[in-house]
């Protein structure tokens, strides 16, 4: 009998959904991009429950006929590719043909569409990846795609979702990224019937779209950049050094109008600004790179957020040159030509700009501590998980560390390694000096918990099972705990724990993963007995998520108060390399960040 079997289509789609459909924002991104590929002039997004309950994408594109509307829900069915060479000359947003079947496999999905001037439309309904139900529907302009009860049939994935407000911010950011690249298209996003983001088409003045997406106060600070070189054209807008942000979240880079995250591009932008910005501040930049499709590979990331350039050095140099030319011309000072700017006058004006920035900073309320997590903040079925903090409501810009996504969700590259430890407060809080003299307070337990969670994730991915260990003990456990452990021995083995019955309700714990050697075995096993997944659950990072969190938390309890200086330095380096998307039981690593300016203001 053959040991290798071909996977069913519904299982394949759910596997693809794990890569393509990370959260409601992923669904919105994929469906809105399909609307743009369909030639839409207006795209409307209606949400309920942060997108988990309901997502409706309506467009006025060219729509589809009966055959295409059914075929588009089959895996790898696409109108964007025909031959292998097409993969190297992509101009569309989507091309793999994975998104729609993947989304339909984890939701109640409905597609209502019609071709132009059609007398009858088509409605296709798919429940959780089941067979498509096709029926006639009233004709309409364009397409309406409805996604309801996202992840209803993958409860383990659903447990990873954040609060509705947090998911909503991710959706809004996903739409903003697309809207910035397409000022010729009108966008309307609403949640619960209330408008969230509205921007009419503005093809003649892209700065209006930037102001609508990133805030009206940035509009007077925007200046165009342009650089044309062989094989690459750089255009877009940069904000003057007077307008800065505390994080790099204001840097938006697009390659052939596709939003990408590329460390090289971000580094080039930051290098261009390094002589103009105070320490700890970041620029606001919206940059578009037009590159020969043959010179860039967009098929290197499941969500198409990364690309690979054939001549990365040439691209980065073009970006650097474009921004440096604008900054050196100092257009915000008045003259329209670089030749009219006297260097001494430019230096004087720059000093005045810095002084105005410092004055505004001192007048702001920087340094407010991050809000502590509450039970109401945690996602469903994930008690103790610290979510991202809400955006302060008061019309005032949030302090560094409070804005979404915040430091405890997506820290800037190199943030933790740049900290200089100064001491420990209350046997738990690590006091550090950050860039530019910033005071930073870390929760040592939460920091260590985050790092150990990554270690346990890597151990699970390697799939080696329990390793030989000198650790060994026998534990007498309550009957409910013993029953849970008996049924979860396979899961425990996947987690790296060797647990065997030892008569009655006693268990022999023979091996634990590195980092758990000093834990109380009884307390650990009792906690794991409540965190193990139910029978039939996939024993992967999703199914074992809660158990991994339990292990990370117990490991941190053992070691957090025993860190040497060298171990603390190593831990900070691990945090920079850590993935902050998986939730921890104690997710707030950065408890407080207060700039030097605020300290000086309070000392007056």
Protein backbone atom coordinates (compact mmCIF):
# COMPACT_ATOMS: atom_id res chain seq x y z
CA UNK A 1 0.00 0.00 0.00
CA UNK A 2 1.36 3.41 -0.94
CA UNK A 3 2.43 5.61 1.96
CA UNK A 4 2.09 8.81 -0.03
CA UNK A 5 -1.38 10.12 -0.82
CA UNK A 6 -2.63 13.15 -2.71
CA UNK A 7 -4.24 15.68 -0.37
CA UNK A 8 -7.89 16.58 -0.82
CA UNK A 9 -8.65 19.98 -2.34
CA UNK A 10 -10.41 21.22 0.80
CA UNK A 11 -7.37 20.32 2.91
CA UNK A 12 -5.04 21.99 0.42
CA UNK A 13 -7.12 25.17 0.58
CA UNK A 14 -7.01 25.24 4.37
CA UNK A 15 -3.23 24.83 4.27
CA UNK A 16 -3.03 27.72 1.80
CA UNK A 17 -5.30 29.75 4.08
CA UNK A 18 -2.69 29.45 6.81
CA UNK A 19 -0.25 31.37 4.62
CA UNK A 20 -2.54 33.74 2.72
CA UNK A 21 -5.29 34.45 5.27
CA UNK A 22 -3.54 35.53 8.45
CA UNK A 23 -6.29 37.79 9.79
CA UNK A 24 -9.26 39.88 8.51
CA UNK A 25 -6.80 42.44 7.10
CA UNK A 26 -5.35 39.72 4.85
CA UNK A 27 -8.82 38.98 3.47
CA UNK A 28 -9.51 42.65 2.80
CA UNK A 29 -6.14 43.09 1.11
CA UNK A 30 -6.61 40.14 -1.24
CA UNK A 31 -10.19 40.99 -2.18
CA UNK A 32 -9.54 44.71 -2.69
CA UNK A 33 -6.56 43.87 -4.89
CA UNK A 34 -8.85 41.62 -6.96
CA UNK A 35 -11.21 44.58 -7.34
CA UNK A 36 -8.36 46.75 -8.59
CA UNK A 37 -7.26 44.07 -11.05
CA UNK A 38 -10.86 44.11 -12.31
CA UNK A 39 -10.49 47.77 -13.30
CA UNK A 40 -12.63 49.23 -10.50
CA UNK A 41 -12.98 52.99 -10.04
CA UNK A 42 -14.69 52.73 -6.65
CA UNK A 43 -14.11 50.16 -3.90
CA UNK A 44 -16.26 49.95 -0.77
CA UNK A 45 -15.37 47.89 2.31
CA UNK A 46 -18.01 47.21 4.99
CA UNK A 47 -17.00 45.46 8.21
CA UNK A 48 -18.59 44.08 11.34
CA UNK A 49 -16.86 42.75 14.43
CA UNK A 50 -13.45 43.94 13.29
CA UNK A 51 -13.87 41.88 10.13
CA UNK A 52 -14.23 38.55 11.91
CA UNK A 53 -18.02 38.60 11.77
CA UNK A 54 -18.49 40.07 8.32
CA UNK A 55 -16.52 41.59 5.43
CA UNK A 56 -18.22 42.93 2.31
CA UNK A 57 -16.15 44.21 -0.63
CA UNK A 58 -18.13 45.97 -3.37
CA UNK A 59 -16.61 47.30 -6.60
CA UNK A 60 -17.63 48.64 -9.99
CA UNK A 61 -15.15 46.58 -12.01
CA UNK A 62 -15.83 44.52 -15.11
CA UNK A 63 -17.36 41.63 -13.16
CA UNK A 64 -17.49 37.98 -14.27
CA UNK A 65 -19.69 35.61 -16.17
CA UNK A 66 -21.08 32.31 -14.86
CA UNK A 67 -18.12 30.16 -15.91
CA UNK A 68 -15.46 32.49 -14.51
CA UNK A 69 -17.32 33.12 -11.25
CA UNK A 70 -17.26 29.37 -10.52
CA UNK A 71 -13.77 28.74 -11.83
CA UNK A 72 -12.21 31.56 -9.75
CA UNK A 73 -12.94 29.55 -6.60
CA UNK A 74 -10.81 26.65 -7.75
CA UNK A 75 -7.21 26.52 -6.58
CA UNK A 76 -4.64 28.04 -8.96
CA UNK A 77 -7.34 29.29 -11.31
CA UNK A 78 -6.39 32.83 -12.38
CA UNK A 79 -6.81 35.29 -15.22
CA UNK A 80 -3.41 36.87 -14.54
CA UNK A 81 -1.08 34.15 -15.88
CA UNK A 82 -1.04 31.90 -18.90
CA UNK A 83 2.60 30.99 -19.56
CA UNK A 84 5.79 30.74 -17.49
CA UNK A 85 7.09 33.95 -19.03
CA UNK A 86 4.09 35.83 -17.64
CA UNK A 87 5.48 35.25 -14.15
CA UNK A 88 8.39 37.52 -15.03
CA UNK A 89 6.24 40.29 -16.46
CA UNK A 90 3.55 40.78 -13.83
CA UNK A 91 1.55 43.98 -13.72
CA UNK A 92 -1.43 42.71 -11.72
CA UNK A 93 -1.76 42.54 -7.92
CA UNK A 94 -2.68 38.87 -7.73
CA UNK A 95 -1.45 36.02 -9.87
CA UNK A 96 -1.34 32.75 -7.90
CA UNK A 97 -5.05 31.96 -7.83
CA UNK A 98 -4.90 30.98 -4.15
CA UNK A 99 -6.68 33.77 -2.29
CA UNK A 100 -10.35 33.17 -3.14
CA UNK A 101 -10.41 29.38 -2.54
CA UNK A 102 -8.34 29.86 0.63
CA UNK A 103 -10.73 32.50 1.99
CA UNK A 104 -13.77 30.44 1.04
CA UNK A 105 -12.33 27.43 2.89
CA UNK A 106 -12.36 29.22 6.28
CA UNK A 107 -15.58 31.24 6.06
CA UNK A 108 -19.09 31.46 4.69
CA UNK A 109 -18.26 33.02 1.33
CA UNK A 110 -20.62 34.58 -1.21
CA UNK A 111 -19.78 36.02 -4.62
CA UNK A 112 -22.35 38.11 -6.52
CA UNK A 113 -21.20 39.32 -9.92
CA UNK A 114 -22.23 40.00 -13.48
CA UNK A 115 -20.61 40.97 -16.74
CA UNK A 116 -21.38 44.40 -18.25
CA UNK A 117 -24.83 44.58 -19.87
CA UNK A 118 -25.66 41.04 -18.72
CA UNK A 119 -29.35 40.25 -18.32
CA UNK A 120 -28.74 37.97 -15.34
CA UNK A 121 -26.01 37.82 -12.74
CA UNK A 122 -24.46 34.96 -10.79
CA UNK A 123 -24.35 34.21 -7.07
CA UNK A 124 -21.89 31.58 -5.83
CA UNK A 125 -21.96 30.42 -2.21
CA UNK A 126 -19.28 28.29 -0.52
CA UNK A 127 -19.40 27.21 3.14
CA UNK A 128 -16.08 26.26 4.67
CA UNK A 129 -14.55 24.97 1.47
CA UNK A 130 -17.51 22.81 0.57
CA UNK A 131 -19.04 22.47 -2.90
CA UNK A 132 -20.01 25.69 -4.64
CA UNK A 133 -23.73 26.47 -4.81
CA UNK A 134 -24.45 28.43 -8.00
CA UNK A 135 -27.66 30.32 -8.75
CA UNK A 136 -28.99 33.17 -10.84
CA UNK A 137 -28.96 36.62 -9.28
CA UNK A 138 -30.00 40.13 -10.27
CA UNK A 139 -27.51 41.75 -12.65
CA UNK A 140 -25.27 44.37 -11.11
CA UNK A 141 -22.28 46.50 -11.95
CA UNK A 142 -19.07 44.88 -10.78
CA UNK A 143 -18.75 42.34 -7.98
CA UNK A 144 -19.73 41.98 -4.32
CA UNK A 145 -17.74 39.51 -2.20
CA UNK A 146 -19.04 38.68 1.28
CA UNK A 147 -17.03 36.85 3.92
CA UNK A 148 -18.88 35.88 7.11
CA UNK A 149 -17.72 34.14 10.31
CA UNK A 150 -14.06 34.09 9.34
CA UNK A 151 -12.17 31.10 10.81
CA UNK A 152 -15.40 29.60 12.17
CA UNK A 153 -14.20 26.13 11.17
CA UNK A 154 -10.60 26.63 12.37
CA UNK A 155 -11.07 27.50 16.07
CA UNK A 156 -7.36 27.20 16.79
CA UNK A 157 -6.67 30.00 14.32
CA UNK A 158 -9.57 32.02 15.72
CA UNK A 159 -7.94 31.96 19.15
CA UNK A 160 -4.99 33.89 17.73
CA UNK A 161 -7.13 36.86 16.74
CA UNK A 162 -6.85 40.08 18.73
CA UNK A 163 -9.63 42.32 19.97
CA UNK A 164 -11.96 43.76 17.37
CA UNK A 165 -10.39 47.23 17.68
CA UNK A 166 -6.94 45.83 16.99
CA UNK A 167 -8.06 43.79 13.98
CA UNK A 168 -9.87 46.88 12.71
CA UNK A 169 -6.66 48.93 12.82
CA UNK A 170 -4.91 46.25 10.77
CA UNK A 171 -7.72 46.34 8.20
CA UNK A 172 -7.55 50.12 8.00
CA UNK A 173 -3.78 49.97 7.49
CA UNK A 174 -4.19 47.37 4.73
CA UNK A 175 -6.63 49.60 2.86
CA UNK A 176 -4.46 52.69 3.36
CA UNK A 177 -1.48 50.93 1.79
CA UNK A 178 -3.53 50.09 -1.29
CA UNK A 179 -5.20 53.51 -1.41
CA UNK A 180 -1.85 55.33 -1.35
CA UNK A 181 -0.79 53.42 -4.45
CA UNK A 182 -4.04 54.12 -6.32
CA UNK A 183 -5.13 57.75 -5.94
CA UNK A 184 -7.22 57.34 -9.11
CA UNK A 185 -9.61 54.99 -7.24
CA UNK A 186 -12.20 56.06 -4.66
CA UNK A 187 -12.21 54.17 -1.35
CA UNK A 188 -14.82 53.93 1.37
CA UNK A 189 -14.31 51.83 4.48
CA UNK A 190 -16.96 51.56 7.18
CA UNK A 191 -17.40 49.55 10.35
CA UNK A 192 -20.77 48.89 11.87
CA UNK A 193 -22.30 51.41 9.48
CA UNK A 194 -19.93 54.21 10.55
CA UNK A 195 -17.28 55.57 8.15
CA UNK A 196 -13.73 54.59 9.02
CA UNK A 197 -11.75 55.83 6.00
CA UNK A 198 -13.12 57.79 3.07
CA UNK A 199 -11.13 59.21 0.19
CA UNK A 200 -12.50 60.20 -3.24
CA UNK A 201 -10.35 59.73 -6.32
CA UNK A 202 -7.62 62.38 -6.65
CA UNK A 203 -5.44 61.37 -9.62
CA UNK A 204 -4.22 64.94 -10.21
CA UNK A 205 -3.02 65.53 -6.65
CA UNK A 206 -1.79 62.41 -4.81
CA UNK A 207 -0.98 64.54 -1.76
CA UNK A 208 -4.71 64.69 -1.04
CA UNK A 209 -4.76 60.90 -0.71
CA UNK A 210 -1.70 61.00 1.57
CA UNK A 211 -3.38 63.61 3.76
CA UNK A 212 -6.61 61.59 3.89
CA UNK A 213 -4.73 58.42 4.80
CA UNK A 214 -2.00 59.70 7.12
CA UNK A 215 -3.46 62.90 8.54
CA UNK A 216 -4.29 66.36 7.23
CA UNK A 217 -1.48 67.94 9.27
CA UNK A 218 1.15 66.32 7.01
CA UNK A 219 -0.13 67.97 3.83
CA UNK A 220 1.83 71.28 4.06
CA UNK A 221 5.02 69.35 4.80
CA UNK A 222 4.94 67.13 1.69
CA UNK A 223 7.41 67.67 -1.15
CA UNK A 224 7.88 65.67 -4.36
CA UNK A 225 10.92 63.53 -5.11
CA UNK A 226 11.99 62.13 -8.45
CA UNK A 227 14.98 60.17 -9.72
CA UNK A 228 15.25 58.45 -13.07
CA UNK A 229 17.96 55.93 -13.74
CA UNK A 230 18.43 53.06 -16.13
CA UNK A 231 15.85 50.46 -15.18
CA UNK A 232 14.32 52.29 -12.20
CA UNK A 233 12.24 55.42 -11.64
CA UNK A 234 11.70 56.79 -8.14
CA UNK A 235 8.81 59.19 -7.50
CA UNK A 236 6.69 60.10 -4.51
CA UNK A 237 6.59 62.50 -1.61
CA UNK A 238 8.66 63.06 1.50
CA UNK A 239 7.82 65.14 4.54
CA UNK A 240 10.16 67.92 5.61
CA UNK A 241 12.40 67.29 8.65
CA UNK A 242 10.00 69.44 10.66
CA UNK A 243 7.40 66.67 10.47
CA UNK A 244 8.64 63.47 12.09
CA UNK A 245 7.26 60.35 13.73
CA UNK A 246 8.47 58.23 16.65
CA UNK A 247 8.57 55.00 14.60
CA UNK A 248 9.25 53.93 11.03
CA UNK A 249 5.53 53.22 10.47
CA UNK A 250 5.30 56.35 8.34
CA UNK A 251 7.59 54.87 5.67
CA UNK A 252 5.55 53.48 2.77
CA UNK A 253 7.42 51.96 -0.17
CA UNK A 254 5.79 50.60 -3.32
CA UNK A 255 7.32 48.63 -6.17
CA UNK A 256 5.24 48.81 -9.36
CA UNK A 257 2.41 50.09 -7.13
CA UNK A 258 2.62 47.04 -4.85
CA UNK A 259 3.30 47.78 -1.16
CA UNK A 260 6.47 46.03 0.01
CA UNK A 261 8.59 45.87 3.13
CA UNK A 262 12.25 45.87 2.18
CA UNK A 263 15.00 46.50 4.73
CA UNK A 264 17.29 47.87 2.06
CA UNK A 265 14.75 50.47 0.94
CA UNK A 266 14.01 51.53 4.52
CA UNK A 267 17.72 51.75 5.29
CA UNK A 268 18.32 53.97 2.23
CA UNK A 269 15.51 56.30 3.32
CA UNK A 270 16.83 56.54 6.87
CA UNK A 271 20.35 57.21 5.61
CA UNK A 272 19.07 60.08 3.50
CA UNK A 273 17.47 61.66 6.58
CA UNK A 274 20.17 60.89 9.14
CA UNK A 275 21.71 64.39 9.03
CA UNK A 276 18.34 66.13 9.33
CA UNK A 277 16.43 64.36 12.10
CA UNK A 278 16.97 64.31 15.87
CA UNK A 279 17.87 60.97 17.38
CA UNK A 280 14.90 58.68 17.89
CA UNK A 281 12.70 60.29 15.23
CA UNK A 282 11.69 58.83 11.86
CA UNK A 283 10.58 60.45 8.59
CA UNK A 284 7.29 60.19 6.76
CA UNK A 285 7.86 58.99 3.20
CA UNK A 286 5.55 57.68 0.46
CA UNK A 287 7.78 56.37 -2.30
CA UNK A 288 6.96 54.66 -5.60
CA UNK A 289 9.50 52.63 -7.55
CA UNK A 290 8.78 51.74 -11.15
CA UNK A 291 11.03 48.82 -12.06
CA UNK A 292 11.16 46.64 -15.14
CA UNK A 293 9.01 43.59 -14.15
CA UNK A 294 11.79 41.34 -15.45
CA UNK A 295 14.18 42.94 -12.92
CA UNK A 296 12.10 42.21 -9.81
CA UNK A 297 10.75 38.95 -8.39
CA UNK A 298 7.43 39.42 -6.58
CA UNK A 299 6.90 35.70 -5.95
CA UNK A 300 9.08 35.40 -2.84
CA UNK A 301 6.54 35.91 -0.02
CA UNK A 302 3.15 34.22 0.67
CA UNK A 303 1.44 37.60 1.05
CA UNK A 304 3.58 39.30 -1.62
CA UNK A 305 4.97 41.78 0.92
CA UNK A 306 8.59 41.21 -0.08
CA UNK A 307 10.36 41.36 -3.42
CA UNK A 308 13.82 40.56 -4.76
CA UNK A 309 15.63 42.98 -7.07
CA UNK A 310 18.10 41.78 -9.67
CA UNK A 311 20.10 44.99 -9.07
CA UNK A 312 19.32 45.87 -5.48
CA UNK A 313 22.31 48.20 -5.13
CA UNK A 314 21.16 50.28 -8.10
CA UNK A 315 17.63 50.53 -6.70
CA UNK A 316 18.81 51.55 -3.23
CA UNK A 317 21.21 54.14 -4.64
CA UNK A 318 18.41 55.66 -6.72
CA UNK A 319 16.19 55.97 -3.64
CA UNK A 320 18.98 57.55 -1.61
CA UNK A 321 19.80 60.03 -4.37
CA UNK A 322 16.16 61.04 -4.89
CA UNK A 323 15.56 61.91 -1.24
CA UNK A 324 18.96 63.51 -0.63
CA UNK A 325 18.45 65.85 -3.59
CA UNK A 326 15.14 67.08 -2.18
CA UNK A 327 16.44 67.46 1.36
CA UNK A 328 19.54 69.36 0.27
CA UNK A 329 17.39 71.71 -1.79
CA UNK A 330 15.38 72.44 1.38
CA UNK A 331 12.19 73.34 -0.52
CA UNK A 332 10.31 73.96 2.75
CA UNK A 333 12.51 77.05 3.29
CA UNK A 334 11.02 78.89 0.33
CA UNK A 335 13.30 78.91 -2.78
CA UNK A 336 12.17 76.60 -5.54
CA UNK A 337 15.62 75.94 -6.95
CA UNK A 338 18.54 74.30 -5.12
CA UNK A 339 20.84 76.94 -6.62
CA UNK A 340 19.02 79.66 -4.68
CA UNK A 341 19.81 78.14 -1.27
CA UNK A 342 22.80 79.57 0.53
CA UNK A 343 24.48 76.87 2.70
CA UNK A 344 24.82 79.18 5.72
CA UNK A 345 21.19 80.27 5.40
CA UNK A 346 20.11 76.64 5.04
CA UNK A 347 22.00 75.68 8.21
CA UNK A 348 20.39 78.53 10.11
CA UNK A 349 16.93 77.55 8.96
CA UNK A 350 17.62 73.92 9.85
CA UNK A 351 18.60 74.96 13.37
CA UNK A 352 15.35 76.91 13.64
CA UNK A 353 13.41 73.88 12.41
CA UNK A 354 15.01 71.68 15.07
CA UNK A 355 14.22 74.27 17.72
CA UNK A 356 10.57 74.37 16.62
CA UNK A 357 10.48 70.57 16.73
CA UNK A 358 11.90 70.52 20.27
CA UNK A 359 9.37 73.11 21.37
CA UNK A 360 6.48 71.07 20.00
CA UNK A 361 7.88 67.95 21.63
CA UNK A 362 8.12 69.62 25.03
CA UNK A 363 4.55 70.85 24.73
CA UNK A 364 3.27 67.35 23.95
CA UNK A 365 2.46 64.78 26.60
CA UNK A 366 5.14 62.25 25.75
CA UNK A 367 6.13 59.59 28.18
CA UNK A 368 2.75 58.33 29.35
CA UNK A 369 3.05 54.69 30.47
CA UNK A 370 1.58 51.99 28.32
CA UNK A 371 -1.87 50.91 29.50
CA UNK A 372 -1.76 47.70 31.49
CA UNK A 373 -3.67 44.73 30.01
CA UNK A 374 -7.02 43.82 31.47
CA UNK A 375 -9.19 40.75 31.21
CA UNK A 376 -11.42 42.61 28.76
CA UNK A 377 -8.44 43.20 26.49
CA UNK A 378 -7.66 39.53 25.92
CA UNK A 379 -8.89 37.67 22.84
CA UNK A 380 -11.56 35.03 23.21
CA UNK A 381 -10.33 31.80 24.85
CA UNK A 382 -6.91 33.34 25.55
CA UNK A 383 -6.93 34.56 29.19
CA UNK A 384 -3.94 36.56 30.22
CA UNK A 385 -2.87 37.58 26.72
CA UNK A 386 -1.82 41.22 26.56
CA UNK A 387 -3.08 42.78 23.33
CA UNK A 388 -1.99 45.97 21.66
CA UNK A 389 -3.03 49.14 23.45
CA UNK A 390 -5.87 51.21 22.03
CA UNK A 391 -5.15 54.50 20.37
CA UNK A 392 -5.78 57.35 22.86
CA UNK A 393 -9.00 59.21 22.09
CA UNK A 394 -8.50 62.92 22.50
CA UNK A 395 -7.19 64.25 19.25
CA UNK A 396 -3.62 64.19 20.61
CA UNK A 397 -0.88 62.17 18.97
CA UNK A 398 -0.08 59.09 21.07
CA UNK A 399 3.25 58.82 22.85
CA UNK A 400 5.97 56.63 21.39
CA UNK A 401 5.04 53.08 22.34
CA UNK A 402 1.29 53.77 22.50
CA UNK A 403 0.46 54.05 18.79
CA UNK A 404 -0.72 50.96 16.90
CA UNK A 405 1.13 48.88 15.92
CA UNK A 406 3.13 49.55 19.08
CA UNK A 407 6.44 48.40 20.46
CA UNK A 408 4.87 45.37 22.11
CA UNK A 409 3.52 44.26 18.72
CA UNK A 410 6.11 45.31 16.14
CA UNK A 411 9.26 47.02 17.49
CA UNK A 412 11.51 48.89 15.02
CA UNK A 413 14.55 46.89 13.82
CA UNK A 414 17.42 47.01 16.30
CA UNK A 415 15.32 48.68 19.00
CA UNK A 416 16.22 46.37 21.89
CA UNK A 417 19.88 45.90 21.00
CA UNK A 418 20.32 49.69 21.17
CA UNK A 419 19.20 49.78 24.82
CA UNK A 420 21.81 50.29 27.57
CA UNK A 421 20.78 48.49 30.80
CA UNK A 422 21.16 50.65 33.91
CA UNK A 423 19.52 48.70 36.72
CA UNK A 424 16.62 46.64 38.06
CA UNK A 425 13.58 48.07 39.81
CA UNK A 426 11.46 45.96 42.15
CA UNK A 427 13.21 42.69 41.15
CA UNK A 428 11.23 42.71 37.91
CA UNK A 429 11.58 45.86 35.83
CA UNK A 430 14.73 46.51 33.82
CA UNK A 431 15.57 50.21 33.50
CA UNK A 432 17.47 51.10 30.33
CA UNK A 433 18.70 54.10 28.40
CA UNK A 434 17.45 54.17 24.83
CA UNK A 435 18.47 56.11 21.74
CA UNK A 436 18.76 59.84 22.31
CA UNK A 437 18.71 59.49 26.10
CA UNK A 438 15.24 57.94 26.22
CA UNK A 439 14.25 56.22 29.46
CA UNK A 440 12.91 52.72 28.74
CA UNK A 441 11.49 50.30 31.31
CA UNK A 442 11.13 46.63 30.37
CA UNK A 443 9.30 43.79 32.08
CA UNK A 444 12.06 41.17 32.40
CA UNK A 445 9.54 38.35 32.77
CA UNK A 446 7.62 39.37 29.65
CA UNK A 447 10.86 39.83 27.70
CA UNK A 448 12.16 36.40 28.65
CA UNK A 449 8.75 34.86 28.02
CA UNK A 450 8.73 36.26 24.48
CA UNK A 451 12.20 34.89 23.74
CA UNK A 452 11.43 31.44 25.20
CA UNK A 453 8.18 31.29 23.22
CA UNK A 454 10.24 31.66 20.04
CA UNK A 455 12.62 28.92 21.23
CA UNK A 456 9.73 26.53 21.85
CA UNK A 457 8.21 27.39 18.47
CA UNK A 458 11.51 26.53 16.77
CA UNK A 459 11.76 23.29 18.73
CA UNK A 460 8.25 22.36 17.60
CA UNK A 461 9.09 23.14 13.97
CA UNK A 462 12.14 20.86 14.13
CA UNK A 463 9.86 18.04 15.27
CA UNK A 464 12.59 16.10 17.08
CA UNK A 465 10.46 15.14 20.08
CA UNK A 466 11.81 14.78 23.64
CA UNK A 467 15.60 14.85 23.88
CA UNK A 468 17.60 12.69 26.33
CA UNK A 469 17.90 14.52 29.65
CA UNK A 470 19.24 14.06 33.15
CA UNK A 471 16.03 15.63 34.38
CA UNK A 472 13.62 13.16 35.99
CA UNK A 473 10.98 13.18 38.70
CA UNK A 474 7.74 11.51 39.73
CA UNK A 475 4.63 13.58 40.44
CA UNK A 476 1.32 12.65 42.10
CA UNK A 477 -1.48 14.52 40.32
CA UNK A 478 -5.24 15.03 40.77
CA UNK A 479 -7.42 12.62 38.80
CA UNK A 480 -8.69 15.21 36.22
CA UNK A 481 -5.11 16.28 35.52
CA UNK A 482 -3.97 12.67 35.15
CA UNK A 483 -6.76 11.93 32.66
CA UNK A 484 -5.90 15.00 30.60
CA UNK A 485 -2.22 14.05 30.49
CA UNK A 486 -3.02 10.47 29.49
CA UNK A 487 -5.04 11.72 26.53
CA UNK A 488 -2.43 14.31 25.62
CA UNK A 489 0.80 12.30 25.70
CA UNK A 490 1.30 12.69 21.95
CA UNK A 491 0.92 16.45 22.24
CA UNK A 492 3.33 16.53 25.18
CA UNK A 493 5.88 14.58 23.15
CA UNK A 494 5.54 17.10 20.31
CA UNK A 495 6.25 19.82 22.86
CA UNK A 496 9.45 18.07 23.96
CA UNK A 497 8.18 16.56 27.26
CA UNK A 498 8.58 12.84 28.01
CA UNK A 499 5.71 11.93 30.38
CA UNK A 500 4.83 8.34 31.34
CA UNK A 501 2.20 6.87 33.69
CA UNK A 502 3.75 5.60 36.91
CA UNK A 503 0.79 3.83 38.50
CA UNK A 504 -2.50 5.32 39.67
CA UNK A 505 -2.45 9.08 39.17
CA UNK A 506 1.36 9.29 39.37
CA UNK A 507 3.42 10.32 36.35
CA UNK A 508 7.11 10.18 35.62
CA UNK A 509 8.40 13.33 33.94
CA UNK A 510 11.62 12.10 32.30
CA UNK A 511 12.53 14.95 29.98
CA UNK A 512 11.71 18.63 29.43
CA UNK A 513 12.88 21.07 26.74
CA UNK A 514 15.81 23.40 27.50
CA UNK A 515 14.65 26.27 29.68
CA UNK A 516 12.18 24.26 31.77
CA UNK A 517 14.68 22.33 33.91
CA UNK A 518 14.08 24.39 37.04
CA UNK A 519 10.28 24.54 36.99
CA UNK A 520 7.99 22.99 39.57
CA UNK A 521 6.95 19.82 37.70
CA UNK A 522 3.59 19.53 39.43
CA UNK A 523 2.63 23.14 38.66
CA UNK A 524 3.84 22.82 35.06
CA UNK A 525 1.91 19.60 34.37
CA UNK A 526 -1.27 20.93 35.95
CA UNK A 527 -1.07 24.06 33.79
CA UNK A 528 -0.34 22.05 30.65
CA UNK A 529 -3.26 19.71 31.33
CA UNK A 530 -5.61 22.66 30.85
CA UNK A 531 -3.74 23.99 27.79
CA UNK A 532 -3.52 20.81 25.72
CA UNK A 533 -5.70 20.79 22.59
CA UNK A 534 -8.74 18.51 22.32
CA UNK A 535 -8.37 15.16 20.51
CA UNK A 536 -8.21 15.47 16.75
CA UNK A 537 -6.58 18.89 16.77
CA UNK A 538 -3.54 19.32 14.55
CA UNK A 539 -0.40 19.19 16.68
CA UNK A 540 1.23 22.20 15.08
CA UNK A 541 2.03 25.73 16.26
CA UNK A 542 -1.64 26.69 15.97
CA UNK A 543 -3.10 23.71 17.77
CA UNK A 544 -0.46 23.80 20.51
CA UNK A 545 -0.39 27.60 20.84
CA UNK A 546 -1.80 27.76 24.38
CA UNK A 547 0.52 25.00 25.61
CA UNK A 548 3.51 26.83 24.13
CA UNK A 549 2.43 29.99 25.96
CA UNK A 550 2.20 28.06 29.23
CA UNK A 551 5.70 26.65 28.78
CA UNK A 552 7.15 30.07 27.93
CA UNK A 553 5.56 31.67 30.96
CA UNK A 554 6.83 28.99 33.36
CA UNK A 555 10.31 29.14 31.85
CA UNK A 556 10.39 32.91 32.38
CA UNK A 557 9.32 32.52 36.01
CA UNK A 558 12.38 30.38 36.66
CA UNK A 559 14.98 32.62 35.03
CA UNK A 560 13.72 36.21 34.93
CA UNK A 561 15.23 37.22 38.27
CA UNK A 562 18.55 35.42 37.69
CA UNK A 563 19.75 37.08 34.49
CA UNK A 564 23.41 38.03 34.40
CA UNK A 565 24.56 41.08 32.43
CA UNK A 566 25.72 38.85 29.58
CA UNK A 567 22.43 36.94 29.55
CA UNK A 568 20.48 40.20 29.55
CA UNK A 569 22.47 41.45 26.55
CA UNK A 570 21.80 38.17 24.75
CA UNK A 571 18.11 38.43 25.63
CA UNK A 572 17.87 41.92 24.09
CA UNK A 573 19.40 40.55 20.90
CA UNK A 574 16.86 37.71 20.89
CA UNK A 575 14.02 40.20 21.22
CA UNK A 576 15.14 42.02 18.08
CA UNK A 577 15.00 38.72 16.19
CA UNK A 578 11.73 37.58 17.80
CA UNK A 579 8.37 37.42 16.06
CA UNK A 580 5.95 39.58 18.05
CA UNK A 581 2.83 38.28 16.29
CA UNK A 582 2.22 35.14 18.42
CA UNK A 583 0.58 36.19 21.67
CA UNK A 584 2.19 35.63 25.07
CA UNK A 585 0.51 35.38 28.44
CA UNK A 586 2.43 38.52 29.42
CA UNK A 587 2.74 40.45 26.17
CA UNK A 588 3.76 43.89 27.47
CA UNK A 589 7.56 43.91 27.23
CA UNK A 590 7.98 47.71 27.05
CA UNK A 591 6.20 49.04 30.13
CA UNK A 592 7.29 52.66 29.76
CA UNK A 593 9.18 54.85 27.34
CA UNK A 594 9.87 58.47 28.18
CA UNK A 595 11.99 60.78 25.97
CA UNK A 596 14.69 62.96 27.53
CA UNK A 597 12.70 66.06 26.63
CA UNK A 598 9.83 64.95 28.85
CA UNK A 599 12.20 64.20 31.72
CA UNK A 600 13.70 67.67 31.41
CA UNK A 601 10.25 69.24 31.28
CA UNK A 602 9.16 67.45 34.44
CA UNK A 603 12.37 68.47 36.20
CA UNK A 604 11.65 72.18 35.76
